[in-house]
Amino acid sequence: MFDPAKLMGLLERADAVLQRLEAVLPRPLADPDWSASIAFRYRKRQGAGWLEPVRHVGLIRLDDLKEVDTQRERLRRNTAQFVAGRPANNVLLTGARGTGKSSLIRACLHEFADRGLRLIEVDKTDLIDLPDIVERIAGRPERFIIFSDDLSFEEGEAGYKALKSILDGSVAASTENVLIYATSNRRHLLPERMADNLAARHDENGELHPGEAIEEKISLSERFGLWISFYPFSQDEYLAIVRQWLAHYGVPATAWDAARPQALVFALERGSRSGRVAHQFARDYAGRDHGTDLPAAPSSDAPAPDGLDHV
């Protein structure tokens, strides 16, 4: 016998199950408010991804970055070509930490934002969703840099193959308004082990051929058309940056003789002479009481003074 009450109970249970399924199933990537910012972050939670506008993009100019003149001009030229609609390359910036790799990309964004350049930051763990992101922005009039900071992979990570496919020119990556810019401390993005060299062999002509493990590790980085390398600063370069940051924070020039050896010890303890370490020392030193009235620290959006490697 037909029981309306039982049928309604079944329908309510079915509706509850569908609601739970909708909560966990991936949703199509939606457009953000493109006018809200010049930079966006790709966020993901419970299988759902979205593009989130960055409300406060740190201000930095290309001319603020010193001691990296060659690297700056190469990236500026490539980005200018891209924004102008001319051929340009995906870029891998590698080398010493704290030398301005990420800052250089952010400075390029500010340099060319008024010409339609936009940036989307994607974390390494979300690179598997690159095809969806590229498809979503393919029809936009802006030019997009997809930026992945401090990129490195362990063997077998899913994002590795997704990035490799995009860089290799898959159907999803054929749009001309997207480039990939990535920074890494690893030149080939994967760990290099001594055991990988054991598979190398010599052919009949005596030429050395690397093994498959090495070939695979090189195959991703070589898909970036432009490599830009960064190197540790010399002691004089590091001290020059420290001195300019101290002046920026209001430390008088008469304090330099006392600050100089402390700056060297600070770098030695950190194991690095870089723009980042110079900035950190200057903030520490300027924050102490040196018998002078120091101005309030500038906000993070304040432009760096001329001559600083702002990282």
Protein backbone atom coordinates (compact mmCIF):
# COMPACT_ATOMS: atom_id res chain seq x y z
CA MET A 1 0.00 0.00 0.00
CA PHE A 2 1.33 3.46 -0.95
CA ASP A 3 2.50 5.42 2.08
CA PRO A 4 3.01 9.17 1.36
CA ALA A 5 4.74 9.71 4.69
CA LYS A 6 7.33 7.00 3.95
CA LEU A 7 7.97 8.44 0.49
CA MET A 8 8.53 11.91 1.94
CA GLY A 9 10.99 10.45 4.44
CA LEU A 10 12.94 8.78 1.64
CA LEU A 11 13.02 11.99 -0.38
CA GLU A 12 14.28 13.96 2.60
CA ARG A 13 17.06 11.43 3.20
CA ALA A 14 18.01 11.50 -0.47
CA ASP A 15 18.15 15.30 -0.39
CA ALA A 16 20.41 15.22 2.68
CA VAL A 17 22.77 12.78 0.93
CA LEU A 18 22.91 15.01 -2.16
CA GLN A 19 23.75 18.04 -0.04
CA ARG A 20 26.64 16.17 1.56
CA LEU A 21 27.89 15.09 -1.85
CA GLU A 22 27.74 18.65 -3.19
CA ALA A 23 29.83 19.81 -0.23
CA VAL A 24 32.72 17.48 -1.10
CA LEU A 25 32.55 17.38 -4.90
CA PRO A 26 34.86 19.84 -6.73
CA ARG A 27 33.16 22.94 -8.05
CA PRO A 28 33.98 24.78 -11.27
CA LEU A 29 36.48 27.61 -10.81
CA ALA A 30 34.59 30.90 -10.78
CA ASP A 31 35.78 34.33 -11.88
CA PRO A 32 36.87 36.67 -9.08
CA ASP A 33 36.31 40.41 -9.16
CA TRP A 34 39.14 41.17 -11.60
CA SER A 35 38.95 44.89 -10.80
CA ALA A 36 39.63 44.28 -7.10
CA SER A 37 43.41 43.91 -7.40
CA ILE A 38 46.38 43.41 -9.71
CA ALA A 39 47.36 40.22 -7.87
CA PHE A 40 45.41 37.11 -6.91
CA ARG A 41 46.04 33.94 -4.90
CA TYR A 42 44.66 30.54 -5.74
CA ARG A 43 43.07 29.09 -2.62
CA LYS A 44 41.73 25.60 -2.08
CA ARG A 45 39.69 24.07 0.72
CA GLN A 46 37.77 20.79 0.85
CA GLY A 47 38.33 20.21 -2.84
CA ALA A 48 36.99 23.62 -3.91
CA GLY A 49 39.36 26.18 -5.44
CA TRP A 50 38.92 29.91 -5.99
CA LEU A 51 40.92 32.99 -6.96
CA GLU A 52 41.20 35.46 -4.10
CA PRO A 53 42.17 39.10 -4.75
CA VAL A 54 45.19 40.34 -2.81
CA ARG A 55 43.86 43.49 -1.18
CA HIS A 56 47.23 44.99 -0.23
CA VAL A 57 50.01 44.32 -2.73
CA GLY A 58 53.39 45.34 -1.31
CA LEU A 59 54.82 48.24 -3.28
CA ILE A 60 58.25 47.70 -4.78
CA ARG A 61 59.88 49.21 -7.86
CA LEU A 62 62.39 47.64 -10.19
CA ASP A 63 64.79 50.51 -9.62
CA ASP A 64 64.74 49.78 -5.87
CA LEU A 65 66.53 46.48 -6.51
CA LYS A 66 70.29 46.88 -6.57
CA GLU A 67 73.21 44.48 -6.98
CA VAL A 68 71.04 42.43 -9.37
CA ASP A 69 71.24 44.68 -12.42
CA THR A 70 71.73 41.93 -15.02
CA GLN A 71 68.94 39.77 -13.61
CA ARG A 72 66.61 42.77 -13.37
CA GLU A 73 67.09 43.78 -17.00
CA ARG A 74 66.60 40.24 -18.32
CA LEU A 75 63.32 39.82 -16.46
CA ARG A 76 62.14 43.33 -17.36
CA ARG A 77 62.83 42.69 -21.04
CA ASN A 78 61.01 39.34 -21.07
CA THR A 79 58.01 40.79 -19.24
CA ALA A 80 57.86 43.81 -21.56
CA GLN A 81 57.80 41.46 -24.56
CA PHE A 82 54.99 39.46 -22.99
CA VAL A 83 52.86 42.51 -22.16
CA ALA A 84 53.37 43.88 -25.68
CA GLY A 85 52.05 40.63 -27.17
CA ARG A 86 55.41 39.55 -28.52
CA PRO A 87 57.00 36.12 -27.95
CA ALA A 88 58.32 35.65 -24.42
CA ASN A 89 59.50 32.79 -22.23
CA ASN A 90 58.48 31.11 -19.01
CA VAL A 91 61.09 32.03 -16.40
CA LEU A 92 62.86 30.11 -13.64
CA LEU A 93 64.76 32.26 -11.14
CA THR A 94 67.21 30.20 -9.10
CA GLY A 95 70.07 30.71 -6.71
CA ALA A 96 71.01 32.07 -3.34
CA ARG A 97 68.21 32.69 -0.87
CA GLY A 98 67.26 36.23 0.04
CA THR A 99 68.80 37.84 -3.05
CA GLY A 100 65.60 39.30 -4.50
CA LYS A 101 64.11 36.61 -6.74
CA SER A 102 60.53 37.01 -5.56
CA SER A 103 60.88 40.77 -5.17
CA LEU A 104 61.95 41.07 -8.79
CA ILE A 105 58.74 39.39 -9.95
CA ARG A 106 56.59 41.61 -7.73
CA ALA A 107 58.42 44.67 -9.01
CA CYS A 108 57.70 43.64 -12.60
CA LEU A 109 54.02 43.38 -11.69
CA HIS A 110 53.98 46.99 -10.49
CA GLU A 111 56.01 48.13 -13.52
CA PHE A 112 53.54 46.72 -16.04
CA ALA A 113 50.22 46.61 -14.14
CA ASP A 114 48.92 49.66 -15.95
CA ARG A 115 49.47 47.81 -19.25
CA GLY A 116 47.26 44.93 -18.20
CA LEU A 117 49.68 42.66 -16.38
CA ARG A 118 48.19 40.58 -13.57
CA LEU A 119 49.71 37.99 -11.24
CA ILE A 120 48.22 34.78 -9.83
CA GLU A 121 50.18 33.11 -7.04
CA VAL A 122 49.78 29.34 -6.88
CA ASP A 123 51.26 27.21 -4.13
CA LYS A 124 53.25 24.14 -5.10
CA THR A 125 50.63 21.82 -3.62
CA ASP A 126 47.95 23.33 -5.87
CA LEU A 127 49.84 23.15 -9.15
CA ILE A 128 47.81 20.08 -10.07
CA ASP A 129 44.95 22.54 -10.72
CA LEU A 130 46.96 24.61 -13.22
CA PRO A 131 44.93 23.43 -16.26
CA ASP A 132 41.72 24.71 -14.63
CA ILE A 133 43.30 28.07 -13.81
CA VAL A 134 44.71 28.50 -17.31
CA GLU A 135 41.38 27.58 -18.87
CA ARG A 136 39.55 30.12 -16.70
CA ILE A 137 41.79 33.05 -17.68
CA ALA A 138 42.40 32.07 -21.31
CA GLY A 139 39.74 34.42 -22.66
CA ARG A 140 40.63 37.41 -20.51
CA PRO A 141 42.12 40.56 -22.11
CA GLU A 142 44.79 40.86 -19.38
CA ARG A 143 48.21 39.21 -19.48
CA PHE A 144 48.77 36.82 -16.57
CA ILE A 145 51.90 35.66 -14.78
CA ILE A 146 51.28 32.49 -12.80
CA PHE A 147 53.78 32.73 -9.96
CA SER A 148 55.01 29.87 -7.77
CA ASP A 149 57.47 30.88 -5.06
CA ASP A 150 60.20 28.72 -3.53
CA LEU A 151 59.38 25.86 -5.87
CA SER A 152 60.91 22.43 -5.37
CA PHE A 153 59.60 18.92 -5.64
CA GLU A 154 60.20 15.57 -4.09
CA GLU A 155 59.97 12.59 -6.40
CA GLY A 156 56.42 11.49 -7.16
CA GLU A 157 54.62 14.72 -6.25
CA ALA A 158 51.48 15.28 -8.33
CA GLY A 159 52.16 18.95 -9.08
CA TYR A 160 55.42 18.07 -10.82
CA LYS A 161 53.72 16.39 -13.76
CA ALA A 162 51.01 19.04 -13.99
CA LEU A 163 53.60 21.83 -14.25
CA LYS A 164 55.67 19.82 -16.70
CA SER A 165 52.64 19.34 -18.93
CA ILE A 166 51.73 23.04 -18.86
CA LEU A 167 55.28 24.14 -19.67
CA ASP A 168 55.53 21.61 -22.48
CA GLY A 169 52.70 23.30 -24.33
CA SER A 170 49.72 21.06 -23.73
CA VAL A 171 46.36 22.02 -25.28
CA ALA A 172 45.30 23.68 -22.01
CA ALA A 173 48.44 25.85 -21.95
CA SER A 174 48.35 27.04 -25.56
CA THR A 175 46.87 30.43 -24.61
CA GLU A 176 49.18 33.36 -25.29
CA ASN A 177 48.15 35.47 -22.30
CA VAL A 178 49.81 33.24 -19.66
CA LEU A 179 53.42 32.79 -18.56
CA ILE A 180 54.86 30.82 -15.65
CA TYR A 181 57.37 32.56 -13.37
CA ALA A 182 58.87 30.41 -10.60
CA THR A 183 61.61 30.86 -8.00
CA SER A 184 63.65 28.08 -6.46
CA ASN A 185 66.83 27.42 -4.52
CA ARG A 186 67.25 24.25 -6.62
CA ARG A 187 68.44 24.73 -10.17
CA HIS A 188 66.64 21.61 -11.38
CA LEU A 189 63.74 21.75 -8.87
CA LEU A 190 64.32 18.16 -7.70
CA PRO A 191 66.83 16.79 -5.17
CA GLU A 192 70.10 15.62 -6.74
CA ARG A 193 71.75 12.54 -5.30
CA MET A 194 75.12 10.94 -5.88
CA ALA A 195 73.39 7.65 -6.75
CA ASP A 196 71.87 9.27 -9.84
CA ASN A 197 75.34 9.54 -11.37
CA LEU A 198 75.93 5.80 -11.21
CA ALA A 199 73.63 5.22 -14.19
CA ALA A 200 75.71 7.47 -16.47
CA ARG A 201 77.47 5.72 -19.36
CA HIS A 202 80.01 6.38 -22.11
CA ASP A 203 79.12 5.61 -25.72
CA GLU A 204 81.46 4.17 -28.33
CA ASN A 205 82.86 7.65 -29.00
CA GLY A 206 83.71 8.21 -25.36
CA GLU A 207 80.94 10.77 -24.83
CA LEU A 208 79.25 10.81 -21.44
CA HIS A 209 75.48 10.28 -21.35
CA PRO A 210 73.60 10.91 -18.08
CA GLY A 211 71.28 8.25 -16.72
CA GLU A 212 67.50 8.35 -16.87
CA ALA A 213 67.18 9.71 -13.32
CA ILE A 214 69.25 12.77 -14.18
CA GLU A 215 67.48 13.24 -17.51
CA GLU A 216 64.12 13.23 -15.72
CA LYS A 217 65.28 15.81 -13.17
CA ILE A 218 66.58 18.12 -15.86
CA SER A 219 63.50 17.71 -18.06
CA LEU A 220 61.31 20.02 -15.96
CA SER A 221 63.72 22.92 -15.50
CA GLU A 222 64.73 22.92 -19.17
CA ARG A 223 61.11 23.59 -20.13
CA PHE A 224 61.55 27.11 -18.75
CA GLY A 225 62.79 29.13 -21.69
CA LEU A 226 64.68 31.63 -19.54
CA TRP A 227 66.91 30.82 -16.57
CA ILE A 228 67.97 33.71 -14.34
CA SER A 229 70.58 32.91 -11.68
CA PHE A 230 71.26 34.79 -8.45
CA TYR A 231 74.44 34.67 -6.40
CA PRO A 232 75.40 35.48 -2.79
CA PHE A 233 76.47 39.04 -2.14
CA SER A 234 80.05 39.91 -1.38
CA GLN A 235 80.85 41.35 2.02
CA ASP A 236 81.09 44.88 0.60
CA GLU A 237 77.74 44.55 -1.17
CA TYR A 238 76.10 43.21 1.96
CA LEU A 239 77.50 46.02 4.13
CA ALA A 240 76.42 48.66 1.61
CA ILE A 241 72.85 47.37 1.78
CA VAL A 242 72.96 47.26 5.60
CA ARG A 243 74.17 50.87 5.71
CA GLN A 244 71.39 52.08 3.44
CA TRP A 245 68.73 50.23 5.43
CA LEU A 246 70.08 51.76 8.66
CA ALA A 247 69.79 55.20 7.11
CA HIS A 248 66.25 54.32 6.03
CA TYR A 249 65.33 53.57 9.65
CA GLY A 250 66.90 56.79 10.94
CA VAL A 251 70.11 55.43 12.47
CA PRO A 252 72.70 58.25 12.25
CA ALA A 253 75.82 57.78 10.16
CA THR A 254 77.95 58.20 13.28
CA ALA A 255 76.66 54.81 14.50
CA TRP A 256 78.12 52.97 11.49
CA ASP A 257 81.47 52.08 13.06
CA ALA A 258 79.66 50.33 15.91
CA ALA A 259 77.04 48.72 13.66
CA ARG A 260 79.44 47.33 11.04
CA PRO A 261 81.00 44.50 13.09
CA GLN A 262 77.60 43.59 14.49
CA ALA A 263 76.24 43.34 10.96
CA LEU A 264 79.05 40.95 10.01
CA VAL A 265 78.42 38.77 13.07
CA PHE A 266 74.69 38.79 12.31
CA ALA A 267 75.35 37.49 8.77
CA LEU A 268 77.80 34.89 10.07
CA GLU A 269 75.23 33.57 12.53
CA ARG A 270 72.62 33.38 9.79
CA GLY A 271 75.03 31.72 7.36
CA SER A 272 74.11 34.15 4.60
CA ARG A 273 74.96 37.59 3.25
CA SER A 274 71.83 38.69 1.44
CA GLY A 275 69.45 41.60 1.08
CA ARG A 276 67.01 39.83 3.36
CA VAL A 277 69.59 39.37 6.13
CA ALA A 278 70.73 42.99 5.72
CA HIS A 279 67.14 44.17 6.15
CA GLN A 280 66.62 41.95 9.20
CA PHE A 281 69.78 43.21 10.88
CA ALA A 282 68.87 46.83 10.20
CA ARG A 283 65.42 46.36 11.74
CA ASP A 284 66.97 44.71 14.79
CA TYR A 285 69.65 47.36 15.21
CA ALA A 286 67.33 50.31 14.59
CA GLY A 287 64.83 48.94 17.08
CA ARG A 288 67.33 49.11 19.94
CA ASP A 289 68.06 52.24 21.99
CA HIS A 290 71.11 53.96 20.47
CA GLY A 291 70.65 57.25 22.20
CA THR A 292 68.64 58.82 19.42
CA ASP A 293 64.98 59.33 18.71
CA LEU A 294 64.13 56.92 15.92
CA PRO A 295 61.15 57.40 13.62
CA ALA A 296 58.41 54.83 13.54
CA ALA A 297 59.14 51.94 11.23
CA PRO A 298 57.61 52.50 7.78
CA SER A 299 54.65 50.38 6.78
CA SER A 300 55.20 47.29 4.64
CA ASP A 301 53.63 49.18 1.70
CA ALA A 302 56.18 51.98 1.84
CA PRO A 303 58.61 52.00 -1.09
CA ALA A 304 62.17 50.97 -0.36
CA PRO A 305 64.78 53.73 -0.42
CA ASP A 306 67.05 53.93 -3.44
CA GLY A 307 69.92 51.47 -3.41
CA LEU A 308 68.25 48.75 -1.37
CA ASP A 309 67.89 45.17 -2.35
CA HIS A 310 64.34 44.93 -1.02
CA VAL A 311 63.56 41.25 -0.54
